[in-house]
C-alpha atoms as a PDB file:
ATOM      1  CA  MET A   1       0.023  -0.199   0.501  1.00  0.00           C
ATOM      2  CA  LEU A   2       2.885   2.397   0.909  1.00  0.00           C
ATOM      3  CA  LEU A   3       4.531   1.430  -2.267  1.00  0.00           C
ATOM      4  CA  ALA A   4       1.454   1.984  -4.516  1.00  0.00           C
ATOM      5  CA  THR A   5       1.054   5.426  -2.797  1.00  0.00           C
ATOM      6  CA  SER A   6       4.702   6.377  -3.218  1.00  0.00           C
ATOM      7  CA  LEU A   7       4.697   5.340  -7.027  1.00  0.00           C
ATOM      8  CA  TRP A   8       1.200   7.478  -7.574  1.00  0.00           C
ATOM      9  CA  ALA A   9       2.739  10.473  -6.043  1.00  0.00           C
ATOM     10  CA  ARG A  10       6.137  10.325  -7.708  1.00  0.00           C
ATOM     11  CA  THR A  11       4.275   9.767 -10.921  1.00  0.00           C
ATOM     12  CA  LYS A  12       2.044  12.943  -9.838  1.00  0.00           C
ATOM     13  CA  ARG A  13       4.853  15.030  -9.371  1.00  0.00           C
ATOM     14  CA  ASN A  14       6.352  14.072 -12.501  1.00  0.00           C
ATOM     15  CA  ASP A  15       3.776  15.032 -14.578  1.00  0.00           C
ATOM     16  CA  ARG A  16       3.341  18.498 -12.484  1.00  0.00           C
ATOM     17  CA  VAL A  17       7.078  19.196 -13.388  1.00  0.00           C
ATOM     18  CA  LEU A  18       6.708  18.294 -17.114  1.00  0.00           C
ATOM     19  CA  ASN A  19       3.440  20.644 -17.316  1.00  0.00           C
ATOM     20  CA  ASP A  20       5.469  23.596 -15.485  1.00  0.00           C
ATOM     21  CA  ARG A  21       8.129  23.132 -18.229  1.00  0.00           C
ATOM     22  CA  ASP A  22       5.673  23.236 -20.870  1.00  0.00           C
ATOM     23  CA  TYR A  23       4.091  26.081 -19.356  1.00  0.00           C
ATOM     24  CA  LEU A  24       7.560  27.608 -19.340  1.00  0.00           C
ATOM     25  CA  MET A  25       8.714  27.039 -22.261  1.00  0.00           C
ATOM     26  CA  SER A  26       7.716  27.055 -25.770  1.00  0.00           C
ATOM     27  CA  PRO A  27       7.808  24.007 -27.940  1.00  0.00           C
ATOM     28  CA  HIS A  28       9.155  26.082 -30.654  1.00  0.00           C
ATOM     29  CA  VAL A  29      12.504  26.080 -28.966  1.00  0.00           C
ATOM     30  CA  HIS A  30      13.070  22.346 -28.057  1.00  0.00           C
ATOM     31  CA  PHE A  31      16.152  22.540 -30.106  1.00  0.00           C
ATOM     32  CA  ASP A  32      16.710  18.762 -29.628  1.00  0.00           C
ATOM     33  CA  HIS A  33      13.950  17.919 -31.358  1.00  0.00           C
ATOM     34  CA  GLY A  34      15.018  19.880 -34.414  1.00  0.00           C
ATOM     35  CA  SER A  35      12.673  22.533 -34.458  1.00  0.00           C
ATOM     36  CA  TRP A  36      15.524  24.962 -35.253  1.00  0.00           C
ATOM     37  CA  GLU A  37      17.566  24.739 -38.508  1.00  0.00           C
ATOM     38  CA  PHE A  38      20.885  26.184 -39.270  1.00  0.00           C
ATOM     39  CA  PRO A  39      19.855  28.785 -41.928  1.00  0.00           C
ATOM     40  CA  VAL A  40      22.160  27.394 -44.735  1.00  0.00           C
ATOM     41  CA  SER A  41      20.865  29.715 -47.311  1.00  0.00           C
ATOM     42  CA  LEU A  42      20.935  32.952 -45.406  1.00  0.00           C
ATOM     43  CA  THR A  43      24.446  32.043 -44.238  1.00  0.00           C
ATOM     44  CA  LEU A  44      25.364  31.468 -47.698  1.00  0.00           C
ATOM     45  CA  ILE A  45      24.550  34.715 -49.119  1.00  0.00           C
ATOM     46  CA  LEU A  46      25.828  36.477 -45.978  1.00  0.00           C
ATOM     47  CA  PHE A  47      29.063  35.391 -46.646  1.00  0.00           C
ATOM     48  CA  LEU A  48      28.837  36.037 -50.374  1.00  0.00           C
ATOM     49  CA  VAL A  49      28.264  39.606 -49.379  1.00  0.00           C
ATOM     50  CA  ALA A  50      31.370  39.434 -46.524  1.00  0.00           C
ATOM     51  CA  SER A  51      33.475  37.734 -49.478  1.00  0.00           C
ATOM     52  CA  LEU A  52      32.820  40.340 -52.355  1.00  0.00           C
ATOM     53  CA  TYR A  53      32.930  43.349 -49.659  1.00  0.00           C
ATOM     54  CA  LEU A  54      36.556  42.036 -48.458  1.00  0.00           C
ATOM     55  CA  ARG A  55      37.927  41.736 -52.113  1.00  0.00           C
ATOM     56  CA  GLY A  56      36.442  45.215 -52.614  1.00  0.00           C
ATOM     57  CA  TRP A  57      38.967  46.278 -49.707  1.00  0.00           C
ATOM     58  CA  ILE A  58      42.097  45.074 -50.733  1.00  0.00           C
ATOM     59  CA  SER A  59      41.464  46.250 -54.066  1.00  0.00           C
ATOM     60  CA  VAL A  60      41.112  49.680 -52.438  1.00  0.00           C
ATOM     61  CA  ARG A  61      43.801  49.303 -49.673  1.00  0.00           C
ATOM     62  CA  ALA A  62      45.976  48.064 -52.518  1.00  0.00           C
ATOM     63  CA  GLY A  63      45.628  51.872 -54.109  1.00  0.00           C
ATOM     64  CA  SER A  64      46.195  53.158 -51.028  1.00  0.00           C
ATOM     65  CA  ALA A  65      47.011  51.987 -47.432  1.00  0.00           C
ATOM     66  CA  THR A  66      44.817  54.649 -45.853  1.00  0.00           C
ATOM     67  CA  ALA A  67      41.614  54.724 -48.009  1.00  0.00           C
ATOM     68  CA  VAL A  68      39.417  52.571 -45.818  1.00  0.00           C
ATOM     69  CA  PRO A  69      40.940  51.690 -42.256  1.00  0.00           C
ATOM     70  CA  ALA A  70      40.574  48.251 -41.073  1.00  0.00           C
ATOM     71  CA  TRP A  71      37.717  49.210 -38.156  1.00  0.00           C
ATOM     72  CA  LYS A  72      35.545  49.759 -40.882  1.00  0.00           C
ATOM     73  CA  VAL A  73      35.546  46.483 -42.176  1.00  0.00           C
ATOM     74  CA  THR A  74      34.929  45.281 -38.585  1.00  0.00           C
ATOM     75  CA  SER A  75      32.135  47.273 -38.719  1.00  0.00           C
ATOM     76  CA  PHE A  76      30.769  46.241 -42.006  1.00  0.00           C
ATOM     77  CA  LEU A  77      31.216  42.197 -40.802  1.00  0.00           C
ATOM     78  CA  LEU A  78      29.501  43.192 -37.561  1.00  0.00           C
ATOM     79  CA  GLY A  79      26.633  44.241 -39.471  1.00  0.00           C
ATOM     80  CA  LEU A  80      26.343  41.386 -40.963  1.00  0.00           C
ATOM     81  CA  LEU A  81      26.553  39.013 -38.328  1.00  0.00           C
ATOM     82  CA  LEU A  82      23.751  41.131 -36.192  1.00  0.00           C
ATOM     83  CA  ILE A  83      21.677  40.460 -39.682  1.00  0.00           C
ATOM     84  CA  TRP A  84      22.003  36.673 -39.231  1.00  0.00           C
ATOM     85  CA  THR A  85      21.272  36.965 -35.818  1.00  0.00           C
ATOM     86  CA  ALA A  86      18.264  38.542 -35.889  1.00  0.00           C
ATOM     87  CA  TRP A  87      17.193  36.535 -38.929  1.00  0.00           C
ATOM     88  CA  GLY A  88      18.781  33.196 -38.814  1.00  0.00           C
ATOM     89  CA  SER A  89      19.874  32.399 -35.212  1.00  0.00           C
ATOM     90  CA  PRO A  90      17.427  30.823 -32.476  1.00  0.00           C
ATOM     91  CA  LEU A  91      16.396  34.232 -31.593  1.00  0.00           C
ATOM     92  CA  ALA A  92      13.962  34.210 -34.611  1.00  0.00           C
ATOM     93  CA  LEU A  93      11.875  30.921 -32.784  1.00  0.00           C
ATOM     94  CA  TYR A  94      10.928  33.395 -30.098  1.00  0.00           C
ATOM     95  CA  ASP A  95       9.301  35.856 -32.360  1.00  0.00           C
ATOM     96  CA  HIS A  96       5.897  34.778 -32.110  1.00  0.00           C
ATOM     97  CA  SER A  97       6.041  33.945 -28.289  1.00  0.00           C
ATOM     98  CA  LEU A  98       7.778  37.049 -26.546  1.00  0.00           C
ATOM     99  CA  LEU A  99       7.495  40.326 -27.539  1.00  0.00           C
ATOM    100  CA  THR A 100      11.014  41.131 -26.061  1.00  0.00           C
ATOM    101  CA  ALA A 101      12.485  38.910 -28.543  1.00  0.00           C
ATOM    102  CA  HIS A 102      10.188  40.664 -31.576  1.00  0.00           C
ATOM    103  CA  MET A 103      11.761  44.258 -30.008  1.00  0.00           C
ATOM    104  CA  MET A 104      15.255  42.641 -30.221  1.00  0.00           C
ATOM    105  CA  LYS A 105      15.394  41.798 -33.996  1.00  0.00           C
ATOM    106  CA  HIS A 106      13.337  45.177 -35.009  1.00  0.00           C
ATOM    107  CA  LEU A 107      16.265  46.772 -33.021  1.00  0.00           C
ATOM    108  CA  LEU A 108      18.817  44.697 -34.591  1.00  0.00           C
ATOM    109  CA  LEU A 109      17.358  45.150 -38.415  1.00  0.00           C
ATOM    110  CA  MET A 110      16.555  49.022 -37.762  1.00  0.00           C
ATOM    111  CA  THR A 111      18.915  50.446 -35.354  1.00  0.00           C
ATOM    112  CA  PHE A 112      22.287  48.073 -35.005  1.00  0.00           C
ATOM    113  CA  ALA A 113      22.945  46.753 -37.984  1.00  0.00           C
ATOM    114  CA  PRO A 114      22.554  49.313 -40.700  1.00  0.00           C
ATOM    115  CA  PRO A 115      24.824  52.302 -39.179  1.00  0.00           C
ATOM    116  CA  LEU A 116      27.108  49.302 -39.078  1.00  0.00           C
ATOM    117  CA  LEU A 117      27.130  48.064 -42.305  1.00  0.00           C
ATOM    118  CA  LEU A 118      27.379  52.100 -43.999  1.00  0.00           C
ATOM    119  CA  LEU A 119      30.246  52.885 -41.542  1.00  0.00           C
ATOM    120  CA  GLY A 120      31.741  50.046 -43.664  1.00  0.00           C
ATOM    121  CA  GLU A 121      31.371  52.216 -47.094  1.00  0.00           C
ATOM    122  CA  PRO A 122      29.835  49.227 -48.970  1.00  0.00           C
ATOM    123  CA  LEU A 123      28.987  50.868 -51.687  1.00  0.00           C
ATOM    124  CA  LYS A 124      32.872  51.754 -52.250  1.00  0.00           C
ATOM    125  CA  MET A 125      34.067  47.817 -52.068  1.00  0.00           C
ATOM    126  CA  PHE A 126      31.161  46.701 -54.319  1.00  0.00           C
ATOM    127  CA  TRP A 127      32.051  49.070 -56.755  1.00  0.00           C
ATOM    128  CA  HIS A 128      35.558  47.751 -57.056  1.00  0.00           C
ATOM    129  CA  VAL A 129      34.737  44.407 -57.803  1.00  0.00           C
ATOM    130  CA  MET A 130      32.395  44.977 -60.464  1.00  0.00           C
ATOM    131  CA  PRO A 131      32.733  44.153 -64.079  1.00  0.00           C
ATOM    132  CA  ARG A 132      34.158  47.078 -66.229  1.00  0.00           C
ATOM    133  CA  PHE A 133      31.137  46.958 -67.960  1.00  0.00           C
ATOM    134  CA  ALA A 134      28.651  47.262 -64.959  1.00  0.00           C
ATOM    135  CA  ARG A 135      30.669  50.571 -63.908  1.00  0.00           C
ATOM    136  CA  ASN A 136      30.170  51.713 -67.477  1.00  0.00           C
ATOM    137  CA  ILE A 137      26.433  51.236 -67.321  1.00  0.00           C
ATOM    138  CA  LEU A 138      26.198  52.814 -63.721  1.00  0.00           C
ATOM    139  CA  GLY A 139      28.937  55.454 -64.407  1.00  0.00           C
ATOM    140  CA  HIS A 140      26.531  56.431 -67.045  1.00  0.00           C
ATOM    141  CA  MET A 141      23.379  56.343 -65.172  1.00  0.00           C
ATOM    142  CA  SER A 142      24.349  58.718 -62.365  1.00  0.00           C
ATOM    143  CA  ARG A 143      25.327  61.357 -64.893  1.00  0.00           C
ATOM    144  CA  GLN A 144      21.694  61.562 -65.741  1.00  0.00           C
ATOM    145  CA  PRO A 145      19.676  64.662 -64.194  1.00  0.00           C
ATOM    146  CA  PHE A 146      16.505  62.515 -63.314  1.00  0.00           C
ATOM    147  CA  VAL A 147      19.180  59.905 -61.408  1.00  0.00           C
ATOM    148  CA  HIS A 148      20.494  62.120 -59.714  1.00  0.00           C
ATOM    149  CA  ARG A 149      17.562  64.393 -58.795  1.00  0.00           C
ATOM    150  CA  MET A 150      16.145  60.928 -57.746  1.00  0.00           C
ATOM    151  CA  THR A 151      19.101  60.032 -55.733  1.00  0.00           C
ATOM    152  CA  ARG A 152      19.192  63.075 -53.824  1.00  0.00           C
ATOM    153  CA  THR A 153      15.345  63.101 -52.766  1.00  0.00           C
ATOM    154  CA  ALA A 154      15.317  59.832 -51.736  1.00  0.00           C
ATOM    155  CA  THR A 155      18.458  60.470 -49.199  1.00  0.00           C
ATOM    156  CA  ARG A 156      16.668  63.918 -47.826  1.00  0.00           C
ATOM    157  CA  PRO A 157      16.605  63.917 -44.238  1.00  0.00           C
ATOM    158  CA  ALA A 158      13.084  65.135 -44.076  1.00  0.00           C
ATOM    159  CA  LEU A 159      11.818  61.936 -46.337  1.00  0.00           C
ATOM    160  CA  CYS A 160      14.234  59.073 -44.624  1.00  0.00           C
ATOM    161  CA  LEU A 161      12.887  60.392 -41.193  1.00  0.00           C
ATOM    162  CA  ILE A 162       9.204  60.056 -42.678  1.00  0.00           C
ATOM    163  CA  VAL A 163       9.588  56.599 -43.868  1.00  0.00           C
ATOM    164  CA  SER A 164      11.164  55.700 -41.120  1.00  0.00           C
ATOM    165  CA  THR A 165       8.645  56.642 -38.563  1.00  0.00           C
ATOM    166  CA  LEU A 166       5.844  55.320 -40.630  1.00  0.00           C
ATOM    167  CA  THR A 167       7.555  51.712 -41.186  1.00  0.00           C
ATOM    168  CA  LEU A 168       7.980  51.956 -37.161  1.00  0.00           C
ATOM    169  CA  VAL A 169       4.109  53.245 -36.563  1.00  0.00           C
ATOM    170  CA  ALA A 170       2.930  51.334 -39.025  1.00  0.00           C
ATOM    171  CA  TRP A 171       4.189  47.573 -38.469  1.00  0.00           C
ATOM    172  CA  HIS A 172       3.175  47.822 -34.791  1.00  0.00           C
ATOM    173  CA  LEU A 173      -0.011  48.504 -35.182  1.00  0.00           C
ATOM    174  CA  PRO A 174      -2.006  45.378 -33.564  1.00  0.00           C
ATOM    175  CA  ALA A 175      -4.111  44.539 -36.794  1.00  0.00           C
ATOM    176  CA  LEU A 176      -0.734  44.669 -39.100  1.00  0.00           C
ATOM    177  CA  PHE A 177       1.165  42.950 -35.945  1.00  0.00           C
ATOM    178  CA  ALA A 178      -1.282  40.180 -36.226  1.00  0.00           C
ATOM    179  CA  LEU A 179      -0.950  39.704 -39.746  1.00  0.00           C
ATOM    180  CA  CYS A 180       2.877  39.274 -39.554  1.00  0.00           C
ATOM    181  CA  VAL A 181       2.641  36.674 -36.795  1.00  0.00           C
ATOM    182  CA  HIS A 182       0.248  34.398 -38.657  1.00  0.00           C
ATOM    183  CA  SER A 183       1.538  35.044 -42.258  1.00  0.00           C
ATOM    184  CA  GLU A 184       5.318  34.210 -42.872  1.00  0.00           C
ATOM    185  CA  ILE A 185       5.250  36.077 -45.850  1.00  0.00           C
ATOM    186  CA  TRP A 186       4.271  39.295 -44.416  1.00  0.00           C
ATOM    187  CA  HIS A 187       6.313  38.553 -41.871  1.00  0.00           C
ATOM    188  CA  THR A 188       9.760  38.840 -43.930  1.00  0.00           C
ATOM    189  CA  VAL A 189       7.994  41.480 -45.989  1.00  0.00           C
ATOM    190  CA  GLU A 190       7.947  43.287 -42.332  1.00  0.00           C
ATOM    191  CA  GLN A 191      11.935  42.414 -41.574  1.00  0.00           C
ATOM    192  CA  ILE A 192      12.700  43.653 -44.979  1.00  0.00           C
ATOM    193  CA  THR A 193      11.143  47.202 -44.364  1.00  0.00           C
ATOM    194  CA  PHE A 194      12.568  47.481 -41.259  1.00  0.00           C
ATOM    195  CA  PHE A 195      16.154  46.847 -42.446  1.00  0.00           C
ATOM    196  CA  GLY A 196      15.473  49.051 -45.704  1.00  0.00           C
ATOM    197  CA  ALA A 197      13.910  51.716 -43.239  1.00  0.00           C
ATOM    198  CA  GLY A 198      17.049  51.578 -41.087  1.00  0.00           C
ATOM    199  CA  LEU A 199      19.473  51.847 -44.319  1.00  0.00           C
ATOM    200  CA  LEU A 200      17.364  55.155 -45.368  1.00  0.00           C
ATOM    201  CA  PHE A 201      17.550  56.395 -41.878  1.00  0.00           C
ATOM    202  CA  TRP A 202      21.065  56.436 -41.020  1.00  0.00           C
ATOM    203  CA  TRP A 203      22.300  57.337 -44.409  1.00  0.00           C
ATOM    204  CA  PRO A 204      21.522  61.436 -43.610  1.00  0.00           C
ATOM    205  CA  VAL A 205      23.593  60.762 -40.556  1.00  0.00           C
ATOM    206  CA  ILE A 206      26.845  58.455 -41.560  1.00  0.00           C
ATOM    207  CA  GLN A 207      26.861  60.192 -45.185  1.00  0.00           C
ATOM    208  CA  PRO A 208      28.401  56.906 -46.890  1.00  0.00           C
ATOM    209  CA  TRP A 209      30.357  56.949 -49.964  1.00  0.00           C
ATOM    210  CA  PRO A 210      29.176  58.227 -52.508  1.00  0.00           C
ATOM    211  CA  SER A 211      27.306  60.743 -50.717  1.00  0.00           C
ATOM    212  CA  THR A 212      28.388  64.617 -52.075  1.00  0.00           C
ATOM    213  CA  SER A 213      27.045  66.291 -48.523  1.00  0.00           C
ATOM    214  CA  THR A 214      29.314  68.256 -46.407  1.00  0.00           C
ATOM    215  CA  SER A 215      29.799  67.165 -42.471  1.00  0.00           C
ATOM    216  CA  ALA A 216      26.847  67.110 -40.421  1.00  0.00           C
ATOM    217  CA  GLY A 217      25.729  69.995 -38.592  1.00  0.00           C
ATOM    218  CA  TRP A 218      23.214  71.379 -36.133  1.00  0.00           C
ATOM    219  CA  SER A 219      20.404  69.890 -38.578  1.00  0.00           C
ATOM    220  CA  THR A 220      21.359  66.859 -38.029  1.00  0.00           C
ATOM    221  CA  LEU A 221      20.997  66.985 -34.182  1.00  0.00           C
ATOM    222  CA  LEU A 222      17.604  67.769 -35.074  1.00  0.00           C
ATOM    223  CA  TYR A 223      17.253  65.075 -36.940  1.00  0.00           C
ATOM    224  CA  LEU A 224      18.087  62.520 -34.551  1.00  0.00           C
ATOM    225  CA  PHE A 225      16.060  64.276 -32.016  1.00  0.00           C
ATOM    226  CA  LEU A 226      12.947  64.173 -33.936  1.00  0.00           C
ATOM    227  CA  ALA A 227      13.484  60.480 -34.907  1.00  0.00           C
ATOM    228  CA  THR A 228      13.368  59.830 -30.908  1.00  0.00           C
ATOM    229  CA  LEU A 229       9.553  61.074 -30.330  1.00  0.00           C
ATOM    230  CA  PRO A 230       8.009  58.199 -32.106  1.00  0.00           C
ATOM    231  CA  CYS A 231       9.659  55.564 -30.311  1.00  0.00           C
ATOM    232  CA  ASP A 232       9.412  57.231 -27.189  1.00  0.00           C
ATOM    233  CA  ILE A 233       5.651  57.839 -27.562  1.00  0.00           C
ATOM    234  CA  LEU A 234       5.079  54.332 -28.636  1.00  0.00           C
ATOM    235  CA  SER A 235       7.496  53.171 -26.001  1.00  0.00           C
ATOM    236  CA  GLY A 236       5.585  55.048 -23.101  1.00  0.00           C
ATOM    237  CA  PHE A 237       2.346  53.594 -24.161  1.00  0.00           C
ATOM    238  CA  LEU A 238       3.462  50.105 -23.984  1.00  0.00           C
ATOM    239  CA  VAL A 239       5.319  50.668 -20.600  1.00  0.00           C
ATOM    240  CA  PHE A 240       2.444  52.599 -18.857  1.00  0.00           C
ATOM    241  CA  SER A 241      -0.285  50.652 -20.343  1.00  0.00           C
ATOM    242  CA  ASP A 242      -2.256  48.341 -18.486  1.00  0.00           C
ATOM    243  CA  ARG A 243      -4.024  46.570 -21.428  1.00  0.00           C
ATOM    244  CA  VAL A 244      -2.549  44.121 -23.751  1.00  0.00           C
ATOM    245  CA  ALA A 245      -1.520  45.947 -26.869  1.00  0.00           C
ATOM    246  CA  TYR A 246      -1.222  42.756 -29.062  1.00  0.00           C
ATOM    247  CA  PRO A 247      -3.985  40.317 -28.221  1.00  0.00           C
ATOM    248  CA  VAL A 248      -1.818  37.490 -30.619  1.00  0.00           C
ATOM    249  CA  TYR A 249       0.370  36.708 -27.526  1.00  0.00           C
ATOM    250  CA  LEU A 250      -2.629  36.048 -25.323  1.00  0.00           C
ATOM    251  CA  SER A 251      -2.737  32.580 -27.162  1.00  0.00           C
ATOM    252  CA  ALA A 252       1.335  31.861 -26.843  1.00  0.00           C
ATOM    253  CA  PRO A 253       2.378  29.902 -24.721  1.00  0.00           C
ATOM    254  CA  ARG A 254       4.248  31.516 -21.446  1.00  0.00           C
ATOM    255  CA  MET A 255       8.177  31.307 -21.144  1.00  0.00           C
ATOM    256  CA  TYR A 256      10.407  32.086 -17.855  1.00  0.00           C
ATOM    257  CA  GLY A 257       7.648  33.249 -16.253  1.00  0.00           C
ATOM    258  CA  PHE A 258       6.911  36.273 -18.114  1.00  0.00           C
ATOM    259  CA  SER A 259       3.408  37.532 -17.965  1.00  0.00           C
ATOM    260  CA  ILE A 260       2.209  39.409 -21.205  1.00  0.00           C
ATOM    261  CA  LEU A 261       1.951  42.714 -19.569  1.00  0.00           C
ATOM    262  CA  GLN A 262       5.336  42.022 -18.109  1.00  0.00           C
ATOM    263  CA  ASP A 263       7.044  41.137 -21.664  1.00  0.00           C
ATOM    264  CA  GLN A 264       5.205  44.167 -23.062  1.00  0.00           C
ATOM    265  CA  GLN A 265       7.083  46.496 -20.942  1.00  0.00           C
ATOM    266  CA  CYS A 266      10.376  44.686 -20.831  1.00  0.00           C
ATOM    267  CA  ALA A 267       9.910  45.129 -24.597  1.00  0.00           C
ATOM    268  CA  ALA A 268       8.818  48.930 -24.506  1.00  0.00           C
ATOM    269  CA  ALA A 269      11.639  49.396 -22.005  1.00  0.00           C
ATOM    270  CA  LEU A 270      14.339  47.854 -24.481  1.00  0.00           C
ATOM    271  CA  MET A 271      13.514  49.657 -27.368  1.00  0.00           C
ATOM    272  CA  TRP A 272      12.866  53.372 -25.207  1.00  0.00           C
ATOM    273  CA  THR A 273      16.502  52.530 -23.944  1.00  0.00           C
ATOM    274  CA  CYS A 274      18.329  51.071 -26.788  1.00  0.00           C
ATOM    275  CA  VAL A 275      17.032  53.601 -29.342  1.00  0.00           C
ATOM    276  CA  THR A 276      18.204  56.498 -26.998  1.00  0.00           C
ATOM    277  CA  LEU A 277      21.449  55.674 -26.239  1.00  0.00           C
ATOM    278  CA  ILE A 278      22.359  54.595 -30.029  1.00  0.00           C
ATOM    279  CA  TYR A 279      21.017  57.923 -31.340  1.00  0.00           C
ATOM    280  CA  LEU A 280      23.037  59.866 -28.393  1.00  0.00           C
ATOM    281  CA  VAL A 281      26.046  58.469 -29.630  1.00  0.00           C
ATOM    282  CA  PRO A 282      26.341  60.010 -33.277  1.00  0.00           C
ATOM    283  CA  ALA A 283      24.919  62.934 -31.327  1.00  0.00           C
ATOM    284  CA  ALA A 284      27.547  63.457 -29.035  1.00  0.00           C
ATOM    285  CA  ILE A 285      30.222  63.092 -31.657  1.00  0.00           C
ATOM    286  CA  ILE A 286      28.798  65.826 -34.031  1.00  0.00           C
ATOM    287  CA  SER A 287      28.157  68.217 -31.254  1.00  0.00           C
ATOM    288  CA  THR A 288      31.702  67.682 -29.651  1.00  0.00           C
ATOM    289  CA  ARG A 289      32.885  68.224 -33.683  1.00  0.00           C
ATOM    290  CA  LEU A 290      30.820  71.614 -34.013  1.00  0.00           C
ATOM    291  CA  LEU A 291      31.802  72.665 -30.552  1.00  0.00           C
ATOM    292  CA  ALA A 292      35.576  72.260 -30.948  1.00  0.00           C
ATOM    293  CA  PRO A 293      37.769  75.198 -32.015  1.00  0.00           C
ATOM    294  CA  GLY A 294      38.483  75.968 -35.432  1.00  0.00           C
ATOM    295  CA  THR A 295      35.988  73.313 -36.580  1.00  0.00           C
ATOM    296  CA  SER A 296      35.048  73.547 -40.486  1.00  0.00           C
ATOM    297  CA  SER A 297      34.007  71.646 -43.095  1.00  0.00           C
ATOM    298  CA  GLY A 298      36.285  69.008 -42.356  1.00  0.00           C
ATOM    299  CA  GLY A 299      34.429  66.024 -42.500  1.00  0.00           C
ATOM    300  CA  ALA A 300      33.489  66.839 -46.491  1.00  0.00           C
ATOM    301  CA  VAL A 301      33.663  63.913 -48.640  1.00  0.00           C
ATOM    302  CA  PRO A 302      36.749  64.069 -51.038  1.00  0.00           C
ATOM    303  CA  GLN A 303      35.864  65.858 -54.437  1.00  0.00           C
ATOM    304  CA  SER A 304      38.168  62.367 -55.925  1.00  0.00           C
ATOM    305  CA  ASP A 305      35.771  59.988 -54.369  1.00  0.00           C
ATOM    306  CA  ARG A 306      32.643  61.759 -55.492  1.00  0.00           C
ATOM    307  CA  ARG A 307      33.721  61.785 -59.033  1.00  0.00           C
ATOM    308  CA  THR A 308      34.770  58.310 -59.040  1.00  0.00           C
ATOM    309  CA  LEU A 309      31.227  57.082 -60.393  1.00  0.00           C
ATOM    310  CA  GLU A 310      31.788  58.965 -63.223  1.00  0.00           C
ATOM    311  CA  VAL A 311      34.711  57.391 -63.926  1.00  0.00           C
ATOM    312  CA  VAL A 312      34.374  54.864 -67.046  1.00  0.00           C
END
């Protein structure tokens, strides 16, 4: 009788442990069951991009040892790594279970990876590995007034700020958010637009080659300040709201003991903190340069670099 009771109690305890484990961990993260697969295609694509970039960097360094310093290469490769982390690492498995994981992906694709890539001067590196006929075609196109006006318009700070703000706000509307959760196609579109909007947003700040802009000024500080406002409003709403903003997570398994509201507040606090700190870095650098005595337009793009596209 005692043995039977002991066996029954042990069985109930084991069942309770298994139930608690299933409650705290999503079935999507049981890696030992093969739910996460190494993203071969994504890895190969990023590896190819990195190889072309390094080939272009070697070609540029052969002409001038100081043309592109090594830290720019490190920056570009780190940006590629962050793209892989957001799109292909196990972090992607948590996207539909934790709003915090979704926010991490959003920050990697829109706030962290784009500036790192642009700091690496990728267009200059890829230009040097293009076949001559491709450079001839692009050089001819770059001299067309229509193409010149279009590229200048597309990289105007006002347009870049509007596009990035609309992208941020639109994809965080509950209806579109739920659509991305239930549709893999729309989820991919969301990630691509996050990344594209991030590149567009950071272009006026970093001004990579072949940008013809001069060094950043006070208008860039205003640009960065205005960019923080949509993030602050969205983050503040999610942090202080006592309602679940995204009902799609109500049916998702809870992980690590997070309640839905706790997850929502953590995600909002993460965005609030990261965006503020990341935008503060270029703002501090620009302010230091502007306030330094004897500062002039020393950050202007060299004329020889501006005309590289026109060389055929």
